[in-house]
mmCIF file of all heavy atoms, coordinates in Angstrom:
data_MODEL
# 
_entry.id   MODEL 
# 
loop_
_atom_site.group_PDB 
_atom_site.id 
_atom_site.type_symbol 
_atom_site.label_atom_id 
_atom_site.label_alt_id 
_atom_site.label_comp_id 
_atom_site.label_asym_id 
_atom_site.label_entity_id 
_atom_site.label_seq_id 
_atom_site.pdbx_PDB_ins_code 
_atom_site.Cartn_x 
_atom_site.Cartn_y 
_atom_site.Cartn_z 
_atom_site.occupancy 
_atom_site.B_iso_or_equiv 
_atom_site.pdbx_formal_charge 
_atom_site.auth_seq_id 
_atom_site.auth_comp_id 
_atom_site.auth_asym_id 
_atom_site.auth_atom_id 
_atom_site.pdbx_PDB_model_num 
ATOM 1   N N   . PRO A 1 1  ? -1.169  -25.640 16.827 1.00 0.00 ? 1  PRO A N   1 
ATOM 2   C CA  . PRO A 1 1  ? 0.130   -24.954 16.772 1.00 0.00 ? 1  PRO A CA  1 
ATOM 3   C C   . PRO A 1 1  ? 0.121   -23.820 15.739 1.00 0.00 ? 1  PRO A C   1 
ATOM 4   O O   . PRO A 1 1  ? -0.153  -24.042 14.560 1.00 0.00 ? 1  PRO A O   1 
ATOM 5   C CB  . PRO A 1 1  ? 1.096   -26.064 16.367 1.00 0.00 ? 1  PRO A CB  1 
ATOM 6   C CG  . PRO A 1 1  ? 0.457   -27.314 16.878 1.00 0.00 ? 1  PRO A CG  1 
ATOM 7   C CD  . PRO A 1 1  ? -1.032  -27.084 16.694 1.00 0.00 ? 1  PRO A CD  1 
ATOM 8   N N   . GLY A 1 2  ? 0.322   -22.599 16.225 1.00 0.00 ? 2  GLY A N   1 
ATOM 9   C CA  . GLY A 1 2  ? 0.422   -21.445 15.347 1.00 0.00 ? 2  GLY A CA  1 
ATOM 10  C C   . GLY A 1 2  ? -0.877  -20.779 14.972 1.00 0.00 ? 2  GLY A C   1 
ATOM 11  O O   . GLY A 1 2  ? -0.880  -19.806 14.230 1.00 0.00 ? 2  GLY A O   1 
ATOM 12  N N   . THR A 1 3  ? -2.023  -21.283 15.465 1.00 0.00 ? 3  THR A N   1 
ATOM 13  C CA  . THR A 1 3  ? -3.294  -20.658 15.109 1.00 0.00 ? 3  THR A CA  1 
ATOM 14  C C   . THR A 1 3  ? -4.338  -20.872 16.202 1.00 0.00 ? 3  THR A C   1 
ATOM 15  O O   . THR A 1 3  ? -4.336  -21.879 16.880 1.00 0.00 ? 3  THR A O   1 
ATOM 16  C CB  . THR A 1 3  ? -3.823  -21.184 13.758 1.00 0.00 ? 3  THR A CB  1 
ATOM 17  O OG1 . THR A 1 3  ? -4.937  -20.406 13.364 1.00 0.00 ? 3  THR A OG1 1 
ATOM 18  C CG2 . THR A 1 3  ? -4.223  -22.624 13.814 1.00 0.00 ? 3  THR A CG2 1 
ATOM 19  N N   . VAL A 1 4  ? -5.212  -19.899 16.349 1.00 0.00 ? 4  VAL A N   1 
ATOM 20  C CA  . VAL A 1 4  ? -6.349  -20.004 17.256 1.00 0.00 ? 4  VAL A CA  1 
ATOM 21  C C   . VAL A 1 4  ? -7.547  -20.426 16.426 1.00 0.00 ? 4  VAL A C   1 
ATOM 22  O O   . VAL A 1 4  ? -7.786  -19.858 15.354 1.00 0.00 ? 4  VAL A O   1 
ATOM 23  C CB  . VAL A 1 4  ? -6.629  -18.654 17.945 1.00 0.00 ? 4  VAL A CB  1 
ATOM 24  C CG1 . VAL A 1 4  ? -7.888  -18.722 18.793 1.00 0.00 ? 4  VAL A CG1 1 
ATOM 25  C CG2 . VAL A 1 4  ? -5.437  -18.227 18.780 1.00 0.00 ? 4  VAL A CG2 1 
ATOM 26  N N   . ILE A 1 5  ? -8.304  -21.421 16.881 1.00 0.00 ? 5  ILE A N   1 
ATOM 27  C CA  . ILE A 1 5  ? -9.457  -21.872 16.107 1.00 0.00 ? 5  ILE A CA  1 
ATOM 28  C C   . ILE A 1 5  ? -10.786 -21.539 16.775 1.00 0.00 ? 5  ILE A C   1 
ATOM 29  O O   . ILE A 1 5  ? -11.825 -21.680 16.165 1.00 0.00 ? 5  ILE A O   1 
ATOM 30  C CB  . ILE A 1 5  ? -9.384  -23.381 15.785 1.00 0.00 ? 5  ILE A CB  1 
ATOM 31  C CG1 . ILE A 1 5  ? -9.308  -24.210 17.053 1.00 0.00 ? 5  ILE A CG1 1 
ATOM 32  C CG2 . ILE A 1 5  ? -8.223  -23.667 14.867 1.00 0.00 ? 5  ILE A CG2 1 
ATOM 33  C CD1 . ILE A 1 5  ? -9.436  -25.702 16.810 1.00 0.00 ? 5  ILE A CD1 1 
ATOM 34  N N   . GLY A 1 6  ? -10.753 -21.089 18.017 1.00 0.00 ? 6  GLY A N   1 
ATOM 35  C CA  . GLY A 1 6  ? -12.009 -20.715 18.655 1.00 0.00 ? 6  GLY A CA  1 
ATOM 36  C C   . GLY A 1 6  ? -11.890 -20.611 20.158 1.00 0.00 ? 6  GLY A C   1 
ATOM 37  O O   . GLY A 1 6  ? -10.825 -20.795 20.732 1.00 0.00 ? 6  GLY A O   1 
ATOM 38  N N   . TRP A 1 7  ? -13.011 -20.299 20.768 1.00 0.00 ? 7  TRP A N   1 
ATOM 39  C CA  . TRP A 1 7  ? -13.109 -20.206 22.214 1.00 0.00 ? 7  TRP A CA  1 
ATOM 40  C C   . TRP A 1 7  ? -13.733 -21.470 22.759 1.00 0.00 ? 7  TRP A C   1 
ATOM 41  O O   . TRP A 1 7  ? -14.421 -22.200 22.050 1.00 0.00 ? 7  TRP A O   1 
ATOM 42  C CB  . TRP A 1 7  ? -14.033 -19.063 22.604 1.00 0.00 ? 7  TRP A CB  1 
ATOM 43  C CG  . TRP A 1 7  ? -13.489 -17.693 22.475 1.00 0.00 ? 7  TRP A CG  1 
ATOM 44  C CD1 . TRP A 1 7  ? -12.220 -17.327 22.155 1.00 0.00 ? 7  TRP A CD1 1 
ATOM 45  C CD2 . TRP A 1 7  ? -14.213 -16.483 22.662 1.00 0.00 ? 7  TRP A CD2 1 
ATOM 46  N NE1 . TRP A 1 7  ? -12.113 -15.975 22.144 1.00 0.00 ? 7  TRP A NE1 1 
ATOM 47  C CE2 . TRP A 1 7  ? -13.313 -15.429 22.446 1.00 0.00 ? 7  TRP A CE2 1 
ATOM 48  C CE3 . TRP A 1 7  ? -15.517 -16.194 22.989 1.00 0.00 ? 7  TRP A CE3 1 
ATOM 49  C CZ2 . TRP A 1 7  ? -13.699 -14.094 22.554 1.00 0.00 ? 7  TRP A CZ2 1 
ATOM 50  C CZ3 . TRP A 1 7  ? -15.898 -14.871 23.090 1.00 0.00 ? 7  TRP A CZ3 1 
ATOM 51  C CH2 . TRP A 1 7  ? -14.996 -13.846 22.876 1.00 0.00 ? 7  TRP A CH2 1 
ATOM 52  N N   . ASP A 1 8  ? -13.551 -21.693 24.042 1.00 0.00 ? 8  ASP A N   1 
ATOM 53  C CA  . ASP A 1 8  ? -14.314 -22.699 24.768 1.00 0.00 ? 8  ASP A CA  1 
ATOM 54  C C   . ASP A 1 8  ? -15.662 -22.038 25.040 1.00 0.00 ? 8  ASP A C   1 
ATOM 55  O O   . ASP A 1 8  ? -15.775 -21.171 25.905 1.00 0.00 ? 8  ASP A O   1 
ATOM 56  C CB  . ASP A 1 8  ? -13.591 -23.059 26.060 1.00 0.00 ? 8  ASP A CB  1 
ATOM 57  C CG  . ASP A 1 8  ? -14.353 -24.056 26.905 1.00 0.00 ? 8  ASP A CG  1 
ATOM 58  O OD1 . ASP A 1 8  ? -15.572 -24.229 26.691 1.00 0.00 ? 8  ASP A OD1 1 
ATOM 59  O OD2 . ASP A 1 8  ? -13.735 -24.662 27.789 1.00 0.00 ? 8  ASP A OD2 1 
ATOM 60  N N   . LEU A 1 9  ? -16.669 -22.392 24.238 1.00 0.00 ? 9  LEU A N   1 
ATOM 61  C CA  . LEU A 1 9  ? -17.950 -21.690 24.324 1.00 0.00 ? 9  LEU A CA  1 
ATOM 62  C C   . LEU A 1 9  ? -18.656 -21.929 25.651 1.00 0.00 ? 9  LEU A C   1 
ATOM 63  O O   . LEU A 1 9  ? -19.367 -21.054 26.127 1.00 0.00 ? 9  LEU A O   1 
ATOM 64  C CB  . LEU A 1 9  ? -18.843 -22.054 23.148 1.00 0.00 ? 9  LEU A CB  1 
ATOM 65  C CG  . LEU A 1 9  ? -18.360 -21.508 21.807 1.00 0.00 ? 9  LEU A CG  1 
ATOM 66  C CD1 . LEU A 1 9  ? -19.330 -21.868 20.697 1.00 0.00 ? 9  LEU A CD1 1 
ATOM 67  C CD2 . LEU A 1 9  ? -18.158 -20.012 21.849 1.00 0.00 ? 9  LEU A CD2 1 
ATOM 68  N N   . ASN A 1 10 ? -18.465 -23.100 26.270 1.00 0.00 ? 10 ASN A N   1 
ATOM 69  C CA  . ASN A 1 10 ? -19.063 -23.322 27.589 1.00 0.00 ? 10 ASN A CA  1 
ATOM 70  C C   . ASN A 1 10 ? -18.496 -22.327 28.594 1.00 0.00 ? 10 ASN A C   1 
ATOM 71  O O   . ASN A 1 10 ? -19.237 -21.769 29.413 1.00 0.00 ? 10 ASN A O   1 
ATOM 72  C CB  . ASN A 1 10 ? -18.824 -24.758 28.068 1.00 0.00 ? 10 ASN A CB  1 
ATOM 73  C CG  . ASN A 1 10 ? -19.709 -25.741 27.352 1.00 0.00 ? 10 ASN A CG  1 
ATOM 74  O OD1 . ASN A 1 10 ? -20.801 -25.422 26.929 1.00 0.00 ? 10 ASN A OD1 1 
ATOM 75  N ND2 . ASN A 1 10 ? -19.218 -26.961 27.215 1.00 0.00 ? 10 ASN A ND2 1 
ATOM 76  N N   . ALA A 1 11 ? -17.202 -22.089 28.532 1.00 0.00 ? 11 ALA A N   1 
ATOM 77  C CA  . ALA A 1 11 ? -16.577 -21.118 29.432 1.00 0.00 ? 11 ALA A CA  1 
ATOM 78  C C   . ALA A 1 11 ? -17.074 -19.710 29.126 1.00 0.00 ? 11 ALA A C   1 
ATOM 79  O O   . ALA A 1 11 ? -17.355 -18.932 30.045 1.00 0.00 ? 11 ALA A O   1 
ATOM 80  C CB  . ALA A 1 11 ? -15.060 -21.186 29.312 1.00 0.00 ? 11 ALA A CB  1 
ATOM 81  N N   . ALA A 1 12 ? -17.198 -19.360 27.853 1.00 0.00 ? 12 ALA A N   1 
ATOM 82  C CA  . ALA A 1 12 ? -17.664 -18.028 27.472 1.00 0.00 ? 12 ALA A CA  1 
ATOM 83  C C   . ALA A 1 12 ? -19.100 -17.801 27.943 1.00 0.00 ? 12 ALA A C   1 
ATOM 84  O O   . ALA A 1 12 ? -19.427 -16.729 28.461 1.00 0.00 ? 12 ALA A O   1 
ATOM 85  C CB  . ALA A 1 12 ? -17.567 -17.841 25.964 1.00 0.00 ? 12 ALA A CB  1 
ATOM 86  N N   . LEU A 1 13 ? -19.956 -18.809 27.796 1.00 0.00 ? 13 LEU A N   1 
ATOM 87  C CA  . LEU A 1 13 ? -21.340 -18.664 28.241 1.00 0.00 ? 13 LEU A CA  1 
ATOM 88  C C   . LEU A 1 13 ? -21.417 -18.625 29.766 1.00 0.00 ? 13 LEU A C   1 
ATOM 89  O O   . LEU A 1 13 ? -22.242 -17.897 30.335 1.00 0.00 ? 13 LEU A O   1 
ATOM 90  C CB  . LEU A 1 13 ? -22.201 -19.793 27.674 1.00 0.00 ? 13 LEU A CB  1 
ATOM 91  C CG  . LEU A 1 13 ? -22.395 -19.753 26.159 1.00 0.00 ? 13 LEU A CG  1 
ATOM 92  C CD1 . LEU A 1 13 ? -23.124 -20.998 25.681 1.00 0.00 ? 13 LEU A CD1 1 
ATOM 93  C CD2 . LEU A 1 13 ? -23.117 -18.499 25.720 1.00 0.00 ? 13 LEU A CD2 1 
ATOM 94  N N   . GLY A 1 14 ? -20.545 -19.370 30.439 1.00 0.00 ? 14 GLY A N   1 
ATOM 95  C CA  . GLY A 1 14 ? -20.478 -19.310 31.899 1.00 0.00 ? 14 GLY A CA  1 
ATOM 96  C C   . GLY A 1 14 ? -20.041 -17.944 32.380 1.00 0.00 ? 14 GLY A C   1 
ATOM 97  O O   . GLY A 1 14 ? -20.580 -17.412 33.359 1.00 0.00 ? 14 GLY A O   1 
ATOM 98  N N   . LEU A 1 15 ? -19.064 -17.354 31.704 1.00 0.00 ? 15 LEU A N   1 
ATOM 99  C CA  . LEU A 1 15 ? -18.613 -16.005 32.049 1.00 0.00 ? 15 LEU A CA  1 
ATOM 100 C C   . LEU A 1 15 ? -19.738 -14.998 31.829 1.00 0.00 ? 15 LEU A C   1 
ATOM 101 O O   . LEU A 1 15 ? -19.972 -14.124 32.662 1.00 0.00 ? 15 LEU A O   1 
ATOM 102 C CB  . LEU A 1 15 ? -17.397 -15.630 31.212 1.00 0.00 ? 15 LEU A CB  1 
ATOM 103 C CG  . LEU A 1 15 ? -16.841 -14.228 31.401 1.00 0.00 ? 15 LEU A CG  1 
ATOM 104 C CD1 . LEU A 1 15 ? -16.413 -13.994 32.849 1.00 0.00 ? 15 LEU A CD1 1 
ATOM 105 C CD2 . LEU A 1 15 ? -15.670 -13.997 30.469 1.00 0.00 ? 15 LEU A CD2 1 
ATOM 106 N N   . ALA A 1 16 ? -20.448 -15.134 30.719 1.00 0.00 ? 16 ALA A N   1 
ATOM 107 C CA  . ALA A 1 16 ? -21.577 -14.238 30.454 1.00 0.00 ? 16 ALA A CA  1 
ATOM 108 C C   . ALA A 1 16 ? -22.615 -14.354 31.562 1.00 0.00 ? 16 ALA A C   1 
ATOM 109 O O   . ALA A 1 16 ? -23.137 -13.345 32.041 1.00 0.00 ? 16 ALA A O   1 
ATOM 110 C CB  . ALA A 1 16 ? -22.194 -14.558 29.099 1.00 0.00 ? 16 ALA A CB  1 
ATOM 111 N N   . ALA A 1 17 ? -22.908 -15.565 31.997 1.00 0.00 ? 17 ALA A N   1 
ATOM 112 C CA  . ALA A 1 17 ? -23.883 -15.769 33.080 1.00 0.00 ? 17 ALA A CA  1 
ATOM 113 C C   . ALA A 1 17 ? -23.392 -15.115 34.364 1.00 0.00 ? 17 ALA A C   1 
ATOM 114 O O   . ALA A 1 17 ? -24.169 -14.468 35.076 1.00 0.00 ? 17 ALA A O   1 
ATOM 115 C CB  . ALA A 1 17 ? -24.135 -17.249 33.292 1.00 0.00 ? 17 ALA A CB  1 
ATOM 116 N N   . ALA A 1 18 ? -22.106 -15.268 34.662 1.00 0.00 ? 18 ALA A N   1 
ATOM 117 C CA  . ALA A 1 18 ? -21.540 -14.669 35.869 1.00 0.00 ? 18 ALA A CA  1 
ATOM 118 C C   . ALA A 1 18 ? -21.612 -13.137 35.816 1.00 0.00 ? 18 ALA A C   1 
ATOM 119 O O   . ALA A 1 18 ? -21.711 -12.489 36.857 1.00 0.00 ? 18 ALA A O   1 
ATOM 120 C CB  . ALA A 1 18 ? -20.096 -15.120 36.053 1.00 0.00 ? 18 ALA A CB  1 
ATOM 121 N N   . LEU A 1 19 ? -21.573 -12.591 34.618 1.00 0.00 ? 19 LEU A N   1 
ATOM 122 C CA  . LEU A 1 19 ? -21.667 -11.138 34.457 1.00 0.00 ? 19 LEU A CA  1 
ATOM 123 C C   . LEU A 1 19 ? -23.114 -10.651 34.405 1.00 0.00 ? 19 LEU A C   1 
ATOM 124 O O   . LEU A 1 19 ? -23.362 -9.462  34.259 1.00 0.00 ? 19 LEU A O   1 
ATOM 125 C CB  . LEU A 1 19 ? -20.935 -10.710 33.181 1.00 0.00 ? 19 LEU A CB  1 
ATOM 126 C CG  . LEU A 1 19 ? -19.415 -10.883 33.207 1.00 0.00 ? 19 LEU A CG  1 
ATOM 127 C CD1 . LEU A 1 19 ? -18.828 -10.657 31.821 1.00 0.00 ? 19 LEU A CD1 1 
ATOM 128 C CD2 . LEU A 1 19 ? -18.800 -9.929  34.222 1.00 0.00 ? 19 LEU A CD2 1 
ATOM 129 N N   . GLY A 1 20 ? -24.058 -11.582 34.481 1.00 0.00 ? 20 GLY A N   1 
ATOM 130 C CA  . GLY A 1 20 ? -25.466 -11.212 34.482 1.00 0.00 ? 20 GLY A CA  1 
ATOM 131 C C   . GLY A 1 20 ? -26.066 -11.005 33.108 1.00 0.00 ? 20 GLY A C   1 
ATOM 132 O O   . GLY A 1 20 ? -27.139 -10.424 32.982 1.00 0.00 ? 20 GLY A O   1 
ATOM 133 N N   . ILE A 1 21 ? -25.384 -11.467 32.077 1.00 0.00 ? 21 ILE A N   1 
ATOM 134 C CA  . ILE A 1 21 ? -25.906 -11.329 30.714 1.00 0.00 ? 21 ILE A CA  1 
ATOM 135 C C   . ILE A 1 21 ? -26.922 -12.450 30.490 1.00 0.00 ? 21 ILE A C   1 
ATOM 136 O O   . ILE A 1 21 ? -26.604 -13.621 30.708 1.00 0.00 ? 21 ILE A O   1 
ATOM 137 C CB  . ILE A 1 21 ? -24.763 -11.404 29.686 1.00 0.00 ? 21 ILE A CB  1 
ATOM 138 C CG1 . ILE A 1 21 ? -23.782 -10.247 29.925 1.00 0.00 ? 21 ILE A CG1 1 
ATOM 139 C CG2 . ILE A 1 21 ? -25.315 -11.385 28.265 1.00 0.00 ? 21 ILE A CG2 1 
ATOM 140 C CD1 . ILE A 1 21 ? -22.502 -10.352 29.138 1.00 0.00 ? 21 ILE A CD1 1 
ATOM 141 N N   . PRO A 1 22 ? -28.131 -12.121 30.068 1.00 0.00 ? 22 PRO A N   1 
ATOM 142 C CA  . PRO A 1 22 ? -29.153 -13.156 29.855 1.00 0.00 ? 22 PRO A CA  1 
ATOM 143 C C   . PRO A 1 22 ? -28.678 -14.203 28.833 1.00 0.00 ? 22 PRO A C   1 
ATOM 144 O O   . PRO A 1 22 ? -28.067 -13.848 27.813 1.00 0.00 ? 22 PRO A O   1 
ATOM 145 C CB  . PRO A 1 22 ? -30.350 -12.390 29.309 1.00 0.00 ? 22 PRO A CB  1 
ATOM 146 C CG  . PRO A 1 22 ? -30.123 -10.968 29.716 1.00 0.00 ? 22 PRO A CG  1 
ATOM 147 C CD  . PRO A 1 22 ? -28.631 -10.786 29.763 1.00 0.00 ? 22 PRO A CD  1 
ATOM 148 N N   . PRO A 1 23 ? -28.957 -15.479 29.095 1.00 0.00 ? 23 PRO A N   1 
ATOM 149 C CA  . PRO A 1 23 ? -28.509 -16.547 28.183 1.00 0.00 ? 23 PRO A CA  1 
ATOM 150 C C   . PRO A 1 23 ? -28.890 -16.346 26.721 1.00 0.00 ? 23 PRO A C   1 
ATOM 151 O O   . PRO A 1 23 ? -28.053 -16.577 25.846 1.00 0.00 ? 23 PRO A O   1 
ATOM 152 C CB  . PRO A 1 23 ? -29.133 -17.813 28.771 1.00 0.00 ? 23 PRO A CB  1 
ATOM 153 C CG  . PRO A 1 23 ? -29.256 -17.505 30.234 1.00 0.00 ? 23 PRO A CG  1 
ATOM 154 C CD  . PRO A 1 23 ? -29.607 -16.036 30.293 1.00 0.00 ? 23 PRO A CD  1 
ATOM 155 N N   . PRO A 1 24 ? -30.118 -15.910 26.396 1.00 0.00 ? 24 PRO A N   1 
ATOM 156 C CA  . PRO A 1 24 ? -30.421 -15.707 24.969 1.00 0.00 ? 24 PRO A CA  1 
ATOM 157 C C   . PRO A 1 24 ? -29.524 -14.643 24.318 1.00 0.00 ? 24 PRO A C   1 
ATOM 158 O O   . PRO A 1 24 ? -29.109 -14.790 23.171 1.00 0.00 ? 24 PRO A O   1 
ATOM 159 C CB  . PRO A 1 24 ? -31.884 -15.268 24.957 1.00 0.00 ? 24 PRO A CB  1 
ATOM 160 C CG  . PRO A 1 24 ? -32.453 -15.816 26.226 1.00 0.00 ? 24 PRO A CG  1 
ATOM 161 C CD  . PRO A 1 24 ? -31.328 -15.737 27.223 1.00 0.00 ? 24 PRO A CD  1 
ATOM 162 N N   . ALA A 1 25 ? -29.217 -13.579 25.060 1.00 0.00 ? 25 ALA A N   1 
ATOM 163 C CA  . ALA A 1 25 ? -28.344 -12.536 24.519 1.00 0.00 ? 25 ALA A CA  1 
ATOM 164 C C   . ALA A 1 25 ? -26.933 -13.074 24.337 1.00 0.00 ? 25 ALA A C   1 
ATOM 165 O O   . ALA A 1 25 ? -26.290 -12.826 23.307 1.00 0.00 ? 25 ALA A O   1 
ATOM 166 C CB  . ALA A 1 25 ? -28.327 -11.320 25.440 1.00 0.00 ? 25 ALA A CB  1 
ATOM 167 N N   . ALA A 1 26 ? -26.447 -13.823 25.313 1.00 0.00 ? 26 ALA A N   1 
ATOM 168 C CA  . ALA A 1 26 ? -25.104 -14.395 25.216 1.00 0.00 ? 26 ALA A CA  1 
ATOM 169 C C   . ALA A 1 26 ? -25.017 -15.364 24.045 1.00 0.00 ? 26 ALA A C   1 
ATOM 170 O O   . ALA A 1 26 ? -24.049 -15.341 23.283 1.00 0.00 ? 26 ALA A O   1 
ATOM 171 C CB  . ALA A 1 26 ? -24.732 -15.095 26.521 1.00 0.00 ? 26 ALA A CB  1 
ATOM 172 N N   . ALA A 1 27 ? -26.033 -16.202 23.882 1.00 0.00 ? 27 ALA A N   1 
ATOM 173 C CA  . ALA A 1 27 ? -26.033 -17.170 22.782 1.00 0.00 ? 27 ALA A CA  1 
ATOM 174 C C   . ALA A 1 27 ? -26.019 -16.474 21.425 1.00 0.00 ? 27 ALA A C   1 
ATOM 175 O O   . ALA A 1 27 ? -25.452 -16.985 20.459 1.00 0.00 ? 27 ALA A O   1 
ATOM 176 C CB  . ALA A 1 27 ? -27.243 -18.088 22.886 1.00 0.00 ? 27 ALA A CB  1 
ATOM 177 N N   . GLU A 1 28 ? -26.615 -15.305 21.351 1.00 0.00 ? 28 GLU A N   1 
ATOM 178 C CA  . GLU A 1 28 ? -26.643 -14.539 20.106 1.00 0.00 ? 28 GLU A CA  1 
ATOM 179 C C   . GLU A 1 28 ? -25.322 -13.811 19.851 1.00 0.00 ? 28 GLU A C   1 
ATOM 180 O O   . GLU A 1 28 ? -24.837 -13.748 18.717 1.00 0.00 ? 28 GLU A O   1 
ATOM 181 C CB  . GLU A 1 28 ? -27.785 -13.520 20.175 1.00 0.00 ? 28 GLU A CB  1 
ATOM 182 C CG  . GLU A 1 28 ? -28.066 -12.802 18.889 1.00 0.00 ? 28 GLU A CG  1 
ATOM 183 C CD  . GLU A 1 28 ? -28.790 -13.657 17.872 1.00 0.00 ? 28 GLU A CD  1 
ATOM 184 O OE1 . GLU A 1 28 ? -29.501 -14.600 18.262 1.00 0.00 ? 28 GLU A OE1 1 
ATOM 185 O OE2 . GLU A 1 28 ? -28.620 -13.386 16.673 1.00 0.00 ? 28 GLU A OE2 1 
# 
């Protein structure tokens, strides 16, 4: 409540994969 603490990293890495970003680059 009242603050953001982070992203769902699994979703962010999945989005990166869908965009064609190589996993090592996304992880970095």
